C-alpha atoms as a PDB file:
ATOM      1  CA  MET A   1      70.776  83.996 126.264  1.00  0.00           C
ATOM      2  CA  LYS A   2      70.715  86.944 123.859  1.00  0.00           C
ATOM      3  CA  ARG A   3      73.723  89.188 123.437  1.00  0.00           C
ATOM      4  CA  GLN A   4      73.759  92.635 121.820  1.00  0.00           C
ATOM      5  CA  VAL A   5      76.517  92.852 119.169  1.00  0.00           C
ATOM      6  CA  PRO A   6      76.817  96.387 117.726  1.00  0.00           C
ATOM      7  CA  GLY A   7      77.589  96.426 114.006  1.00  0.00           C
ATOM      8  CA  LEU A   8      76.308  92.903 113.350  1.00  0.00           C
ATOM      9  CA  ALA A   9      73.418  94.111 111.197  1.00  0.00           C
ATOM     10  CA  GLU A  10      75.875  95.776 108.814  1.00  0.00           C
ATOM     11  CA  THR A  11      77.372  92.392 107.990  1.00  0.00           C
ATOM     12  CA  ALA A  12      74.028  91.118 106.719  1.00  0.00           C
ATOM     13  CA  CYS A  13      74.152  93.455 103.724  1.00  0.00           C
ATOM     14  CA  ASP A  14      77.003  93.604 101.258  1.00  0.00           C
ATOM     15  CA  SER A  15      78.574  96.710 102.814  1.00  0.00           C
ATOM     16  CA  HIS A  16      82.048  95.668 101.633  1.00  0.00           C
ATOM     17  CA  PRO A  17      81.772  94.587  98.007  1.00  0.00           C
ATOM     18  CA  GLU A  18      84.533  92.391  96.683  1.00  0.00           C
ATOM     19  CA  ILE A  19      87.575  94.454  95.829  1.00  0.00           C
ATOM     20  CA  PRO A  20      88.655  93.859  92.219  1.00  0.00           C
ATOM     21  CA  ASP A  21      92.005  92.396  91.257  1.00  0.00           C
ATOM     22  CA  GLY A  22      94.724  95.004  91.051  1.00  0.00           C
ATOM     23  CA  LEU A  23      97.180  97.179  92.942  1.00  0.00           C
ATOM     24  CA  TYR A  24      96.382  98.896  96.234  1.00  0.00           C
ATOM     25  CA  LEU A  25      98.241 101.075  98.692  1.00  0.00           C
ATOM     26  CA  VAL A  26      97.415  99.460 102.027  1.00  0.00           C
ATOM     27  CA  ARG A  27      98.095  99.679 105.727  1.00  0.00           C
ATOM     28  CA  VAL A  28      98.505  96.594 107.904  1.00  0.00           C
ATOM     29  CA  ASN A  29      95.682  96.616 110.451  1.00  0.00           C
ATOM     30  CA  ALA A  30      96.490  93.274 112.075  1.00  0.00           C
ATOM     31  CA  ALA A  31      98.511  90.106 111.616  1.00  0.00           C
ATOM     32  CA  GLN A  32      98.073  86.779 113.323  1.00  0.00           C
ATOM     33  CA  PHE A  33     100.111  83.581 113.122  1.00  0.00           C
ATOM     34  CA  ARG A  34      98.139  80.380 112.583  1.00  0.00           C
ATOM     35  CA  TRP A  35      99.011  76.757 112.032  1.00  0.00           C
ATOM     36  CA  HIS A  36      96.757  74.595 109.860  1.00  0.00           C
ATOM     37  CA  ALA A  37      97.772  70.964 109.391  1.00  0.00           C
ATOM     38  CA  THR A  38     101.391  71.205 108.229  1.00  0.00           C
ATOM     39  CA  LYS A  39     101.154  74.747 106.854  1.00  0.00           C
ATOM     40  CA  PRO A  40     101.955  77.636 109.185  1.00  0.00           C
ATOM     41  CA  PHE A  41     100.802  81.022 107.911  1.00  0.00           C
ATOM     42  CA  TYR A  42     100.097  84.625 108.819  1.00  0.00           C
ATOM     43  CA  ILE A  43      96.643  86.062 108.319  1.00  0.00           C
ATOM     44  CA  LEU A  44      97.070  89.667 107.222  1.00  0.00           C
ATOM     45  CA  ARG A  45      94.239  92.143 107.679  1.00  0.00           C
ATOM     46  CA  LEU A  46      94.964  95.094 105.438  1.00  0.00           C
ATOM     47  CA  GLY A  47      93.034  98.316 104.972  1.00  0.00           C
ATOM     48  CA  VAL A  48      92.981 100.069 101.606  1.00  0.00           C
ATOM     49  CA  VAL A  49      94.487 103.570 101.696  1.00  0.00           C
ATOM     50  CA  GLU A  50      94.375 104.237  97.940  1.00  0.00           C
ATOM     51  CA  PRO A  51      92.642 104.386  95.547  1.00  0.00           C
ATOM     52  CA  HIS A  52      90.476 106.783  97.530  1.00  0.00           C
ATOM     53  CA  ASN A  53      87.177 105.343  96.260  1.00  0.00           C
ATOM     54  CA  LEU A  54      88.010 102.067  98.071  1.00  0.00           C
ATOM     55  CA  ALA A  55      89.712 103.610 101.126  1.00  0.00           C
ATOM     56  CA  GLY A  56      88.917 101.728 104.302  1.00  0.00           C
ATOM     57  CA  HIS A  57      87.843  98.513 102.601  1.00  0.00           C
ATOM     58  CA  PRO A  58      89.429  95.412 104.127  1.00  0.00           C
ATOM     59  CA  ILE A  59      91.692  92.955 102.349  1.00  0.00           C
ATOM     60  CA  VAL A  60      92.334  89.715 104.200  1.00  0.00           C
ATOM     61  CA  GLY A  61      94.913  87.278 102.889  1.00  0.00           C
ATOM     62  CA  ARG A  62      97.406  84.646 103.952  1.00  0.00           C
ATOM     63  CA  LEU A  63     101.167  84.448 103.714  1.00  0.00           C
ATOM     64  CA  TYR A  64     102.438  80.919 104.239  1.00  0.00           C
ATOM     65  CA  CYS A  65     105.589  80.207 106.232  1.00  0.00           C
ATOM     66  CA  THR A  66     106.564  76.857 104.716  1.00  0.00           C
ATOM     67  CA  GLN A  67     110.114  76.383 103.421  1.00  0.00           C
ATOM     68  CA  LYS A  68     108.781  76.644  99.877  1.00  0.00           C
ATOM     69  CA  ALA A  69     106.829  79.880 100.486  1.00  0.00           C
ATOM     70  CA  ILE A  70     108.937  81.756 103.058  1.00  0.00           C
ATOM     71  CA  TRP A  71     110.445  83.959 100.328  1.00  0.00           C
ATOM     72  CA  LYS A  72     107.067  85.690  99.889  1.00  0.00           C
ATOM     73  CA  LEU A  73     106.829  86.536 103.604  1.00  0.00           C
ATOM     74  CA  GLY A  74     110.348  88.004 103.372  1.00  0.00           C
ATOM     75  CA  TRP A  75     109.348  90.012 100.295  1.00  0.00           C
ATOM     76  CA  PHE A  76     106.323  91.411 102.132  1.00  0.00           C
ATOM     77  CA  LEU A  77     108.351  92.317 105.233  1.00  0.00           C
ATOM     78  CA  ARG A  78     111.141  94.014 103.250  1.00  0.00           C
ATOM     79  CA  ASP A  79     108.818  96.033 101.016  1.00  0.00           C
ATOM     80  CA  PHE A  80     106.585  97.113 103.913  1.00  0.00           C
ATOM     81  CA  LEU A  81     109.736  98.342 105.707  1.00  0.00           C
ATOM     82  CA  TYR A  82     109.626  95.908 108.610  1.00  0.00           C
ATOM     83  CA  ASP A  83     112.396  96.335 111.196  1.00  0.00           C
ATOM     84  CA  PRO A  84     115.580  95.090 109.429  1.00  0.00           C
ATOM     85  CA  GLU A  85     117.177  94.055 112.716  1.00  0.00           C
ATOM     86  CA  LEU A  86     114.274  91.754 113.587  1.00  0.00           C
ATOM     87  CA  LEU A  87     114.288  90.433 110.032  1.00  0.00           C
ATOM     88  CA  ALA A  88     118.034  89.720 110.249  1.00  0.00           C
ATOM     89  CA  HIS A  89     117.367  87.701 113.405  1.00  0.00           C
ATOM     90  CA  GLU A  90     114.528  85.820 111.628  1.00  0.00           C
ATOM     91  CA  GLN A  91     111.942  87.239 114.046  1.00  0.00           C
ATOM     92  CA  VAL A  92     108.431  88.427 113.250  1.00  0.00           C
ATOM     93  CA  ASP A  93     106.822  90.552 115.940  1.00  0.00           C
ATOM     94  CA  GLU A  94     103.062  90.639 115.284  1.00  0.00           C
ATOM     95  CA  LYS A  95     102.824  93.821 117.351  1.00  0.00           C
ATOM     96  CA  ALA A  96     105.309  95.570 115.032  1.00  0.00           C
ATOM     97  CA  LEU A  97     103.284  94.872 111.866  1.00  0.00           C
ATOM     98  CA  PRO A  98     100.185  97.083 112.350  1.00  0.00           C
ATOM     99  CA  GLY A  99     100.761 100.470 110.793  1.00  0.00           C
ATOM    100  CA  LEU A 100     103.217  99.283 108.140  1.00  0.00           C
ATOM    101  CA  ARG A 101     102.290 100.515 104.680  1.00  0.00           C
ATOM    102  CA  GLY A 102     103.029  99.293 101.194  1.00  0.00           C
ATOM    103  CA  VAL A 103     101.620  98.305  97.842  1.00  0.00           C
ATOM    104  CA  VAL A 104      99.972  94.936  97.340  1.00  0.00           C
ATOM    105  CA  LYS A 105      98.839  93.264  94.145  1.00  0.00           C
ATOM    106  CA  ILE A 106      95.829  91.022  94.677  1.00  0.00           C
ATOM    107  CA  SER A 107      93.878  88.499  92.659  1.00  0.00           C
ATOM    108  CA  HIS A 108      90.984  86.220  93.521  1.00  0.00           C
ATOM    109  CA  THR A 109      90.707  82.442  93.464  1.00  0.00           C
ATOM    110  CA  VAL A 110      87.623  80.328  94.051  1.00  0.00           C
ATOM    111  CA  LEU A 111      88.359  77.154  95.988  1.00  0.00           C
ATOM    112  CA  ASN A 112      85.531  74.825  96.957  1.00  0.00           C
ATOM    113  CA  GLY A 113      83.052  77.622  96.292  1.00  0.00           C
ATOM    114  CA  ILE A 114      84.863  80.122  98.543  1.00  0.00           C
ATOM    115  CA  SER A 115      86.431  83.269  97.090  1.00  0.00           C
ATOM    116  CA  LEU A 116      89.953  83.743  98.443  1.00  0.00           C
ATOM    117  CA  ILE A 117      92.319  86.673  97.990  1.00  0.00           C
ATOM    118  CA  ASN A 118      95.820  85.943  96.720  1.00  0.00           C
ATOM    119  CA  LEU A 119      98.584  88.333  97.740  1.00  0.00           C
ATOM    120  CA  ASP A 120     100.528  88.193  94.475  1.00  0.00           C
ATOM    121  CA  GLY A 121     103.120  90.919  94.901  1.00  0.00           C
ATOM    122  CA  PHE A 122     104.426  93.749  97.039  1.00  0.00           C
ATOM    123  CA  ALA A 123     106.231  97.049  96.657  1.00  0.00           C
ATOM    124  CA  PRO A 124     107.261  99.866  99.008  1.00  0.00           C
ATOM    125  CA  ALA A 125     104.636 102.580  99.602  1.00  0.00           C
ATOM    126  CA  SER A 126     107.066 105.074  98.042  1.00  0.00           C
ATOM    127  CA  GLN A 127     106.429 103.416  94.647  1.00  0.00           C
ATOM    128  CA  TRP A 128     102.620 103.819  94.780  1.00  0.00           C
ATOM    129  CA  GLU A 129     102.471 106.913  92.526  1.00  0.00           C
ATOM    130  CA  GLU A 130     104.624 105.287  89.868  1.00  0.00           C
ATOM    131  CA  LEU A 131     102.839 101.931  89.981  1.00  0.00           C
ATOM    132  CA  SER A 132      99.308 103.324  90.123  1.00  0.00           C
ATOM    133  CA  ALA A 133      99.975 105.543  87.087  1.00  0.00           C
ATOM    134  CA  ALA A 134     101.195 102.607  84.983  1.00  0.00           C
ATOM    135  CA  PRO A 135      98.741 100.984  82.557  1.00  0.00           C
ATOM    136  CA  VAL A 136      97.011  97.957  84.077  1.00  0.00           C
ATOM    137  CA  SER A 137      98.724  95.567  81.666  1.00  0.00           C
ATOM    138  CA  LEU A 138     102.146  96.726  82.887  1.00  0.00           C
ATOM    139  CA  ALA A 139     101.254  97.067  86.578  1.00  0.00           C
ATOM    140  CA  SER A 140      99.650  93.650  86.764  1.00  0.00           C
ATOM    141  CA  GLY A 141     102.679  91.800  85.442  1.00  0.00           C
ATOM    142  CA  SER A 142     104.666  90.624  88.451  1.00  0.00           C
ATOM    143  CA  SER A 143     106.877  88.134  86.649  1.00  0.00           C
ATOM    144  CA  SER A 144     109.800  90.557  86.331  1.00  0.00           C
ATOM    145  CA  ALA A 145     109.501  91.605  89.979  1.00  0.00           C
ATOM    146  CA  GLU A 146     109.325  88.008  91.142  1.00  0.00           C
ATOM    147  CA  ALA A 147     112.186  86.959  88.883  1.00  0.00           C
ATOM    148  CA  SER A 148     114.464  89.563  90.450  1.00  0.00           C
ATOM    149  CA  ARG A 149     113.726  88.334  93.977  1.00  0.00           C
END
């Protein structure tokens, strides 16, 4: 049986080139909880808002929910202005995540021949102007931000 799938042909060409490492103002388009082996995680589907030349491009990454990595999920939720009451009750509502905006720092890793996006750092959307104006060497250093968390 053949099925018509609109938009499928666009995936055959490289219509979404790999987004370079760096800082982006993004909007959460979707989030989904998954469990793989012993590692629960959220898949985040983000859409670039700025810089304008990459607006609309997707960024897909994972935030793990293990005891060792839960701090990063909390950092993301706080900086993207997730509902503080839900956060205080240790609840993540996937339906409340789409539409949240913030800054994300990404890098790429190749694992078993597959390019993966690392979500290295977060900041509130209100800091985008300041962060995007900073020289790349300063903006890409997340050690001070992570140390203060």
